């Protein structure tokens, strides 16, 4: 049962965050809160020591401070800041730097793909898709939640929590 919860909760919330950002350019606070609550529930059920849980939470708090600083300078969205912090709780200190690197690389690829796409006119048959029109708009931002989610999903099978659940 624990393995199923661990296999469903984090990946589902990451996929939801990515799709929400793609379609609406927003990431609900509920997603980040659900990630934190899901981590707590699974970590406690997996028997993770409270000190380890505390270190994971401290990792997320530091990422929140960094990302909200970036948000205050208009560099990233608030939803992205909260998603990065909540995801960092799942990653912990052992993977937070790798998470940042993979998210940066995925974000760069996403940004370059969007810039390339925006160079070409949107086909008329796609102009009814409001989310695609917004995404195609040159002044529109980049739904960076996609990159954050991809990085989290890529690294999750190597996370301390996942390893604890699968390998004991």
N, C-alpha and C. Protein backbone atom coordinates (compact mmCIF):
# COMPACT_ATOMS: atom_id res chain seq x y z
N UNK A 1 0.82 -1.20 0.00
CA UNK A 1 0.00 0.00 0.00
C UNK A 1 0.86 1.26 0.00
N UNK A 2 1.94 1.27 0.80
CA UNK A 2 2.82 2.42 0.87
C UNK A 2 3.50 2.67 -0.48
N UNK A 3 3.93 1.57 -1.12
CA UNK A 3 4.56 1.70 -2.43
C UNK A 3 3.60 2.32 -3.44
N UNK A 4 2.35 1.92 -3.39
CA UNK A 4 1.35 2.47 -4.31
C UNK A 4 1.16 3.96 -4.07
N UNK A 5 1.05 4.34 -2.81
CA UNK A 5 0.89 5.77 -2.49
C UNK A 5 2.10 6.56 -2.96
N UNK A 6 3.29 6.02 -2.74
CA UNK A 6 4.51 6.71 -3.16
C UNK A 6 4.60 6.79 -4.68
N UNK A 7 4.08 5.78 -5.35
CA UNK A 7 4.12 5.75 -6.80
C UNK A 7 3.06 6.65 -7.43
N UNK A 8 2.01 6.96 -6.69
CA UNK A 8 0.90 7.74 -7.24
C UNK A 8 0.96 9.22 -6.84
N UNK A 9 1.19 9.51 -5.57
CA UNK A 9 1.03 10.88 -5.06
C UNK A 9 1.99 11.86 -5.73
N UNK A 10 3.28 11.64 -5.59
CA UNK A 10 4.25 12.59 -6.16
C UNK A 10 4.12 12.70 -7.68
N UNK A 11 4.16 11.60 -8.41
CA UNK A 11 4.05 11.74 -9.88
C UNK A 11 2.74 12.39 -10.34
N UNK A 12 1.64 12.06 -9.70
CA UNK A 12 0.36 12.67 -10.10
C UNK A 12 0.35 14.17 -9.86
N UNK A 13 0.85 14.59 -8.72
CA UNK A 13 0.88 16.02 -8.42
C UNK A 13 1.84 16.76 -9.35
N UNK A 14 2.94 16.14 -9.70
CA UNK A 14 3.88 16.77 -10.64
C UNK A 14 3.24 16.90 -12.03
N UNK A 15 2.57 15.86 -12.47
CA UNK A 15 1.91 15.91 -13.78
C UNK A 15 0.80 16.96 -13.77
N UNK A 16 0.07 17.05 -12.68
CA UNK A 16 -0.99 18.05 -12.57
C UNK A 16 -0.41 19.47 -12.58
N UNK A 17 0.69 19.67 -11.86
CA UNK A 17 1.33 20.99 -11.84
C UNK A 17 1.80 21.39 -13.23
N UNK A 18 2.43 20.46 -13.94
CA UNK A 18 2.92 20.75 -15.29
C UNK A 18 1.78 21.08 -16.24
N UNK A 19 0.73 20.27 -16.20
CA UNK A 19 -0.40 20.51 -17.11
C UNK A 19 -1.14 21.79 -16.75
N UNK A 20 -1.26 22.08 -15.47
CA UNK A 20 -1.90 23.33 -15.05
C UNK A 20 -1.12 24.53 -15.54
N UNK A 21 0.20 24.47 -15.40
CA UNK A 21 1.04 25.58 -15.86
C UNK A 21 0.96 25.74 -17.37
N UNK A 22 0.95 24.63 -18.08
CA UNK A 22 0.85 24.67 -19.54
C UNK A 22 -0.47 25.31 -19.98
N UNK A 23 -1.55 24.89 -19.37
CA UNK A 23 -2.88 25.31 -19.82
C UNK A 23 -3.32 26.67 -19.28
N UNK A 24 -2.86 27.04 -18.08
CA UNK A 24 -3.35 28.26 -17.45
C UNK A 24 -2.26 29.24 -17.04
N UNK A 25 -1.00 28.82 -17.14
CA UNK A 25 0.14 29.63 -16.69
C UNK A 25 0.05 29.93 -15.19
N UNK A 26 -0.59 29.04 -14.45
CA UNK A 26 -0.66 29.16 -12.99
C UNK A 26 -0.47 27.78 -12.37
N UNK A 27 0.05 27.79 -11.17
CA UNK A 27 0.18 26.57 -10.37
C UNK A 27 -0.49 26.87 -9.03
N UNK A 28 -1.54 26.18 -8.75
CA UNK A 28 -2.31 26.42 -7.53
C UNK A 28 -1.49 26.14 -6.28
N UNK A 29 -1.74 26.94 -5.25
CA UNK A 29 -1.12 26.69 -3.94
C UNK A 29 -1.48 25.30 -3.42
N UNK A 30 -2.64 24.82 -3.79
CA UNK A 30 -3.09 23.51 -3.32
C UNK A 30 -2.14 22.41 -3.77
N UNK A 31 -1.56 22.56 -4.94
CA UNK A 31 -0.62 21.54 -5.43
C UNK A 31 0.61 21.49 -4.53
N UNK A 32 1.17 22.65 -4.23
CA UNK A 32 2.35 22.69 -3.37
C UNK A 32 2.03 22.20 -1.96
N UNK A 33 0.88 22.60 -1.45
CA UNK A 33 0.48 22.12 -0.11
C UNK A 33 0.25 20.61 -0.11
N UNK A 34 -0.34 20.09 -1.18
CA UNK A 34 -0.56 18.65 -1.28
C UNK A 34 0.78 17.91 -1.37
N UNK A 35 1.76 18.50 -2.04
CA UNK A 35 3.09 17.88 -2.09
C UNK A 35 3.72 17.80 -0.71
N UNK A 36 3.61 18.87 0.06
CA UNK A 36 4.17 18.88 1.41
C UNK A 36 3.43 17.86 2.28
N UNK A 37 2.11 17.87 2.25
CA UNK A 37 1.33 16.92 3.05
C UNK A 37 1.59 15.49 2.62
N UNK A 38 1.68 15.26 1.32
CA UNK A 38 1.97 13.92 0.81
C UNK A 38 3.33 13.43 1.26
N UNK A 39 4.32 14.32 1.22
CA UNK A 39 5.65 13.93 1.70
C UNK A 39 5.59 13.54 3.17
N UNK A 40 4.95 14.38 3.98
CA UNK A 40 4.88 14.10 5.41
C UNK A 40 4.20 12.75 5.68
N UNK A 41 3.09 12.52 5.02
CA UNK A 41 2.35 11.27 5.24
C UNK A 41 3.18 10.05 4.83
N UNK A 42 3.78 10.12 3.67
CA UNK A 42 4.55 8.97 3.18
C UNK A 42 5.83 8.78 3.99
N UNK A 43 6.51 9.88 4.32
CA UNK A 43 7.74 9.77 5.11
C UNK A 43 7.46 9.16 6.48
N UNK A 44 6.40 9.60 7.12
CA UNK A 44 6.05 9.04 8.43
C UNK A 44 5.64 7.57 8.31
N UNK A 45 4.86 7.25 7.29
CA UNK A 45 4.44 5.85 7.09
C UNK A 45 5.62 4.96 6.75
N UNK A 46 6.63 5.52 6.10
CA UNK A 46 7.81 4.74 5.73
C UNK A 46 8.80 4.61 6.88
N UNK A 47 8.51 5.27 7.99
CA UNK A 47 9.39 5.18 9.14
C UNK A 47 10.63 6.05 9.04
N UNK A 48 10.56 7.10 8.23
CA UNK A 48 11.70 8.01 8.12
C UNK A 48 11.88 8.70 9.47
N UNK A 49 13.09 8.74 10.00
CA UNK A 49 13.31 9.42 11.29
C UNK A 49 12.90 10.89 11.22
N UNK A 50 12.40 11.39 12.34
CA UNK A 50 11.94 12.78 12.39
C UNK A 50 13.06 13.76 12.06
N UNK A 51 14.28 13.43 12.45
CA UNK A 51 15.39 14.33 12.12
C UNK A 51 15.59 14.40 10.60
N UNK A 52 15.46 13.27 9.91
CA UNK A 52 15.58 13.27 8.45
C UNK A 52 14.44 14.07 7.82
N UNK A 53 13.23 13.90 8.34
CA UNK A 53 12.09 14.67 7.84
C UNK A 53 12.37 16.17 8.03
N UNK A 54 12.91 16.52 9.19
CA UNK A 54 13.25 17.92 9.46
C UNK A 54 14.27 18.46 8.46
N UNK A 55 15.26 17.65 8.11
CA UNK A 55 16.26 18.08 7.12
C UNK A 55 15.63 18.27 5.74
N UNK A 56 14.70 17.40 5.38
CA UNK A 56 14.01 17.55 4.10
C UNK A 56 13.19 18.86 4.10
N UNK A 57 12.51 19.13 5.21
CA UNK A 57 11.74 20.37 5.32
C UNK A 57 12.65 21.59 5.29
N UNK A 58 13.80 21.51 5.93
CA UNK A 58 14.77 22.61 5.91
C UNK A 58 15.27 22.86 4.49
N UNK A 59 15.47 21.81 3.74
CA UNK A 59 15.88 21.94 2.34
C UNK A 59 14.82 22.70 1.55
N UNK A 60 13.57 22.31 1.73
CA UNK A 60 12.48 23.00 1.05
C UNK A 60 12.37 24.46 1.47
N UNK A 61 12.61 24.73 2.75
CA UNK A 61 12.54 26.12 3.24
C UNK A 61 13.64 26.97 2.61
N UNK A 62 14.85 26.44 2.51
CA UNK A 62 15.92 27.19 1.87
C UNK A 62 15.60 27.47 0.40
N UNK A 63 15.08 26.47 -0.29
CA UNK A 63 14.71 26.67 -1.69
C UNK A 63 13.59 27.70 -1.79
N UNK A 64 12.66 27.70 -0.85
CA UNK A 64 11.58 28.70 -0.85
C UNK A 64 12.16 30.11 -0.69
N UNK A 65 13.12 30.27 0.19
CA UNK A 65 13.74 31.59 0.38
C UNK A 65 14.43 32.03 -0.91
N UNK A 66 15.17 31.13 -1.53
CA UNK A 66 15.88 31.47 -2.77
C UNK A 66 14.89 31.79 -3.89
N UNK A 67 13.89 30.93 -4.06
CA UNK A 67 12.96 31.14 -5.16
C UNK A 67 12.06 32.35 -4.94
N UNK A 68 11.71 32.65 -3.70
CA UNK A 68 10.91 33.85 -3.47
C UNK A 68 11.73 35.11 -3.66
N UNK A 69 13.02 35.02 -3.45
CA UNK A 69 13.90 36.14 -3.79
C UNK A 69 13.86 36.37 -5.29
N UNK A 70 13.97 35.28 -6.06
CA UNK A 70 13.88 35.39 -7.51
C UNK A 70 12.51 35.93 -7.93
N UNK A 71 11.46 35.47 -7.26
CA UNK A 71 10.11 35.96 -7.54
C UNK A 71 10.00 37.46 -7.28
N UNK A 72 10.58 37.92 -6.18
CA UNK A 72 10.49 39.34 -5.82
C UNK A 72 11.18 40.22 -6.85
N UNK A 73 12.15 39.67 -7.58
CA UNK A 73 12.83 40.41 -8.65
C UNK A 73 12.19 40.16 -10.01
N UNK A 74 11.06 39.44 -10.02
CA UNK A 74 10.33 39.20 -11.26
C UNK A 74 10.98 38.18 -12.18
N UNK A 75 11.85 37.35 -11.64
CA UNK A 75 12.55 36.37 -12.45
C UNK A 75 11.76 35.08 -12.67
N UNK A 76 10.93 34.71 -11.70
CA UNK A 76 10.10 33.51 -11.82
C UNK A 76 8.73 33.81 -11.22
N UNK A 77 7.77 32.95 -11.52
CA UNK A 77 6.43 33.11 -10.98
C UNK A 77 6.34 32.59 -9.56
N UNK A 78 5.34 33.05 -8.84
CA UNK A 78 5.14 32.61 -7.47
C UNK A 78 4.80 31.13 -7.37
N UNK A 79 4.00 30.64 -8.32
CA UNK A 79 3.67 29.21 -8.33
C UNK A 79 4.90 28.36 -8.57
N UNK A 80 5.79 28.85 -9.44
CA UNK A 80 7.04 28.13 -9.70
C UNK A 80 7.90 28.08 -8.44
N UNK A 81 7.95 29.19 -7.73
CA UNK A 81 8.75 29.25 -6.50
C UNK A 81 8.25 28.23 -5.48
N UNK A 82 6.94 28.19 -5.30
CA UNK A 82 6.37 27.26 -4.32
C UNK A 82 6.50 25.81 -4.78
N UNK A 83 6.33 25.57 -6.07
CA UNK A 83 6.48 24.20 -6.58
C UNK A 83 7.91 23.72 -6.43
N UNK A 84 8.89 24.57 -6.74
CA UNK A 84 10.29 24.19 -6.58
C UNK A 84 10.60 23.85 -5.12
N UNK A 85 10.08 24.64 -4.21
CA UNK A 85 10.32 24.39 -2.78
C UNK A 85 9.67 23.10 -2.32
N UNK A 86 8.42 22.89 -2.71
CA UNK A 86 7.72 21.67 -2.31
C UNK A 86 8.38 20.43 -2.90
N UNK A 87 8.82 20.53 -4.14
CA UNK A 87 9.51 19.40 -4.77
C UNK A 87 10.84 19.14 -4.08
N UNK A 88 11.51 20.20 -3.66
CA UNK A 88 12.81 20.05 -2.98
C UNK A 88 12.67 19.31 -1.66
N UNK A 89 11.51 19.40 -1.04
CA UNK A 89 11.29 18.62 0.18
C UNK A 89 11.39 17.13 -0.14
N UNK A 90 10.81 16.72 -1.25
CA UNK A 90 10.87 15.32 -1.67
C UNK A 90 12.30 14.92 -2.04
N UNK A 91 13.05 15.85 -2.62
CA UNK A 91 14.41 15.55 -3.07
C UNK A 91 15.40 15.51 -1.91
N UNK A 92 15.25 16.45 -0.98
CA UNK A 92 16.18 16.52 0.15
C UNK A 92 17.53 17.07 -0.27
N UNK A 93 18.42 17.21 0.72
CA UNK A 93 19.75 17.78 0.48
C UNK A 93 20.56 16.93 -0.50
N UNK A 94 20.32 15.64 -0.50
CA UNK A 94 21.10 14.76 -1.36
C UNK A 94 20.86 14.96 -2.84
N UNK A 95 19.72 15.56 -3.19
CA UNK A 95 19.38 15.73 -4.61
C UNK A 95 19.00 17.15 -5.01
N UNK A 96 19.00 18.07 -4.08
CA UNK A 96 18.49 19.40 -4.40
C UNK A 96 19.34 20.11 -5.46
N UNK A 97 20.64 19.92 -5.42
CA UNK A 97 21.50 20.56 -6.44
C UNK A 97 21.26 19.92 -7.81
N UNK A 98 21.15 18.61 -7.83
CA UNK A 98 20.87 17.92 -9.08
C UNK A 98 19.49 18.32 -9.61
N UNK A 99 18.54 18.47 -8.71
CA UNK A 99 17.20 18.93 -9.10
C UNK A 99 17.29 20.30 -9.77
N UNK A 100 18.02 21.21 -9.16
CA UNK A 100 18.18 22.53 -9.74
C UNK A 100 18.84 22.48 -11.11
N UNK A 101 19.84 21.64 -11.26
CA UNK A 101 20.53 21.51 -12.54
C UNK A 101 19.61 20.94 -13.62
N UNK A 102 18.93 19.85 -13.30
CA UNK A 102 18.04 19.21 -14.28
C UNK A 102 16.88 20.15 -14.64
N UNK A 103 16.34 20.84 -13.63
CA UNK A 103 15.25 21.79 -13.90
C UNK A 103 15.75 22.93 -14.78
N UNK A 104 16.96 23.39 -14.56
CA UNK A 104 17.53 24.46 -15.38
C UNK A 104 17.71 24.01 -16.82
N UNK A 105 18.23 22.81 -17.00
CA UNK A 105 18.42 22.29 -18.36
C UNK A 105 17.09 22.07 -19.06
N UNK A 106 16.13 21.51 -18.35
CA UNK A 106 14.80 21.30 -18.94
C UNK A 106 14.14 22.65 -19.23
N UNK A 107 14.32 23.61 -18.35
CA UNK A 107 13.76 24.94 -18.56
C UNK A 107 14.40 25.65 -19.75
N UNK A 108 15.70 25.47 -19.91
CA UNK A 108 16.38 26.06 -21.07
C UNK A 108 15.85 25.45 -22.37
N UNK A 109 15.72 24.13 -22.39
CA UNK A 109 15.19 23.45 -23.58
C UNK A 109 13.76 23.92 -23.87
N UNK A 110 12.94 24.02 -22.83
CA UNK A 110 11.57 24.48 -22.99
C UNK A 110 11.53 25.91 -23.52
N UNK A 111 12.36 26.78 -22.96
CA UNK A 111 12.40 28.17 -23.40
C UNK A 111 12.83 28.28 -24.86
N UNK A 112 13.88 27.54 -25.23
CA UNK A 112 14.33 27.58 -26.62
C UNK A 112 13.27 27.05 -27.58
N UNK A 113 12.57 26.01 -27.17
CA UNK A 113 11.50 25.46 -28.01
C UNK A 113 10.36 26.47 -28.17
N UNK A 114 10.01 27.16 -27.08
CA UNK A 114 8.95 28.18 -27.16
C UNK A 114 9.39 29.36 -28.03
N UNK A 115 10.62 29.79 -27.88
CA UNK A 115 11.11 30.89 -28.71
C UNK A 115 11.08 30.52 -30.18
N UNK A 116 11.46 29.29 -30.47
CA UNK A 116 11.42 28.82 -31.86
C UNK A 116 9.98 28.77 -32.36
N UNK A 117 9.08 28.22 -31.54
CA UNK A 117 7.68 28.11 -31.93
C UNK A 117 7.06 29.49 -32.17
N UNK A 118 7.44 30.47 -31.35
CA UNK A 118 6.87 31.80 -31.45
C UNK A 118 7.36 32.57 -32.68
N UNK A 119 8.38 32.07 -33.33
CA UNK A 119 8.88 32.71 -34.56
C UNK A 119 7.94 32.47 -35.74
N UNK A 120 7.14 31.46 -35.65
CA UNK A 120 6.26 31.07 -36.75
C UNK A 120 4.82 31.42 -36.41
N UNK A 121 4.02 31.78 -37.40
CA UNK A 121 2.61 32.08 -37.12
C UNK A 121 1.87 30.82 -36.64
N UNK A 122 0.95 31.05 -35.76
CA UNK A 122 0.11 29.95 -35.26
C UNK A 122 -0.89 29.57 -36.35
N UNK A 123 -0.97 28.31 -36.72
CA UNK A 123 -1.96 27.91 -37.73
C UNK A 123 -3.38 28.31 -37.32
N UNK A 124 -4.15 28.78 -38.27
CA UNK A 124 -5.50 29.29 -38.00
C UNK A 124 -6.37 28.25 -37.31
N UNK A 125 -6.21 26.99 -37.67
CA UNK A 125 -7.06 25.95 -37.07
C UNK A 125 -6.78 25.74 -35.58
N UNK A 126 -5.68 26.29 -35.09
CA UNK A 126 -5.36 26.16 -33.67
C UNK A 126 -5.71 27.42 -32.87
N UNK A 127 -6.23 28.44 -33.54
CA UNK A 127 -6.49 29.72 -32.87
C UNK A 127 -7.66 29.68 -31.89
N UNK A 128 -8.41 28.59 -31.87
CA UNK A 128 -9.50 28.45 -30.90
C UNK A 128 -8.99 27.94 -29.54
N UNK A 129 -7.78 27.46 -29.51
CA UNK A 129 -7.21 26.94 -28.27
C UNK A 129 -6.57 28.09 -27.50
N UNK A 130 -7.30 28.63 -26.52
CA UNK A 130 -6.84 29.82 -25.80
C UNK A 130 -5.48 29.61 -25.14
N UNK A 131 -5.27 28.43 -24.56
CA UNK A 131 -4.01 28.17 -23.89
C UNK A 131 -2.85 28.18 -24.89
N UNK A 132 -3.08 27.71 -26.10
CA UNK A 132 -2.03 27.67 -27.11
C UNK A 132 -1.76 29.08 -27.66
N UNK A 133 -2.81 29.85 -27.84
CA UNK A 133 -2.65 31.24 -28.28
C UNK A 133 -1.83 32.01 -27.24
N UNK A 134 -2.15 31.82 -25.95
CA UNK A 134 -1.41 32.48 -24.87
C UNK A 134 0.05 32.02 -24.86
N UNK A 135 0.27 30.74 -25.02
CA UNK A 135 1.63 30.19 -25.03
C UNK A 135 2.42 30.71 -26.22
N UNK A 136 1.74 30.93 -27.34
CA UNK A 136 2.39 31.39 -28.57
C UNK A 136 2.71 32.88 -28.54
N UNK A 137 2.04 33.62 -27.69
CA UNK A 137 2.24 35.07 -27.59
C UNK A 137 3.68 35.38 -27.16
N UNK A 138 4.41 36.19 -27.96
CA UNK A 138 5.82 36.48 -27.65
C UNK A 138 6.04 37.10 -26.27
N UNK A 139 5.09 37.88 -25.78
CA UNK A 139 5.25 38.53 -24.47
C UNK A 139 4.84 37.63 -23.32
N UNK A 140 4.32 36.46 -23.65
CA UNK A 140 3.91 35.51 -22.61
C UNK A 140 5.15 34.90 -21.97
N UNK A 141 5.01 34.48 -20.75
CA UNK A 141 6.12 33.87 -20.06
C UNK A 141 6.34 32.42 -20.48
N UNK A 142 7.16 31.76 -19.74
CA UNK A 142 7.45 30.34 -19.96
C UNK A 142 6.82 29.55 -18.82
N UNK A 143 6.02 28.54 -19.14
CA UNK A 143 5.42 27.72 -18.07
C UNK A 143 6.49 26.82 -17.45
N UNK A 144 7.30 27.43 -16.59
CA UNK A 144 8.48 26.75 -16.03
C UNK A 144 8.11 25.58 -15.12
N UNK A 145 6.84 25.54 -14.69
CA UNK A 145 6.39 24.42 -13.88
C UNK A 145 6.57 23.09 -14.62
N UNK A 146 6.54 23.15 -15.94
CA UNK A 146 6.77 21.94 -16.74
C UNK A 146 8.18 21.42 -16.49
N UNK A 147 9.15 22.32 -16.55
CA UNK A 147 10.55 21.93 -16.33
C UNK A 147 10.77 21.44 -14.90
N UNK A 148 10.15 22.12 -13.94
CA UNK A 148 10.28 21.72 -12.54
C UNK A 148 9.69 20.32 -12.32
N UNK A 149 8.54 20.08 -12.94
CA UNK A 149 7.89 18.78 -12.80
C UNK A 149 8.71 17.68 -13.48
N UNK A 150 9.21 17.95 -14.68
CA UNK A 150 10.02 16.95 -15.38
C UNK A 150 11.27 16.60 -14.57
N UNK A 151 11.92 17.60 -14.01
CA UNK A 151 13.11 17.34 -13.20
C UNK A 151 12.76 16.50 -11.97
N UNK A 152 11.66 16.84 -11.31
CA UNK A 152 11.24 16.06 -10.14
C UNK A 152 10.93 14.62 -10.50
N UNK A 153 10.22 14.43 -11.60
CA UNK A 153 9.88 13.07 -12.03
C UNK A 153 11.11 12.29 -12.43
N UNK A 154 12.06 12.94 -13.06
CA UNK A 154 13.30 12.30 -13.48
C UNK A 154 14.11 11.81 -12.29
N UNK A 155 14.14 12.61 -11.23
CA UNK A 155 14.99 12.29 -10.07
C UNK A 155 14.28 11.50 -8.97
N UNK A 156 12.98 11.50 -8.97
CA UNK A 156 12.22 10.84 -7.90
C UNK A 156 12.62 9.39 -7.66
N UNK A 157 12.83 8.59 -8.70
CA UNK A 157 13.22 7.19 -8.42
C UNK A 157 14.55 7.04 -7.69
N UNK A 158 15.32 8.13 -7.60
CA UNK A 158 16.60 8.09 -6.91
C UNK A 158 16.56 8.81 -5.57
N UNK A 159 15.38 9.27 -5.18
CA UNK A 159 15.26 10.03 -3.93
C UNK A 159 15.40 9.12 -2.72
N UNK A 160 15.83 9.72 -1.61
CA UNK A 160 16.02 8.97 -0.37
C UNK A 160 14.69 8.33 0.08
N UNK A 161 13.60 9.06 -0.06
CA UNK A 161 12.31 8.51 0.36
C UNK A 161 11.92 7.31 -0.49
N UNK A 162 12.04 7.45 -1.80
CA UNK A 162 11.69 6.34 -2.69
C UNK A 162 12.58 5.12 -2.40
N UNK A 163 13.87 5.34 -2.24
CA UNK A 163 14.81 4.25 -1.95
C UNK A 163 14.44 3.57 -0.63
N UNK A 164 14.05 4.35 0.36
CA UNK A 164 13.66 3.80 1.66
C UNK A 164 12.44 2.90 1.50
N UNK A 165 11.48 3.33 0.69
CA UNK A 165 10.25 2.57 0.52
C UNK A 165 10.51 1.29 -0.27
N UNK A 166 11.25 1.40 -1.36
CA UNK A 166 11.46 0.27 -2.25
C UNK A 166 12.49 -0.72 -1.71
N UNK A 167 13.57 -0.18 -1.14
CA UNK A 167 14.68 -1.04 -0.73
C UNK A 167 14.78 -1.24 0.79
N UNK A 168 13.89 -0.62 1.50
CA UNK A 168 13.88 -0.81 2.96
C UNK A 168 14.79 0.03 3.72
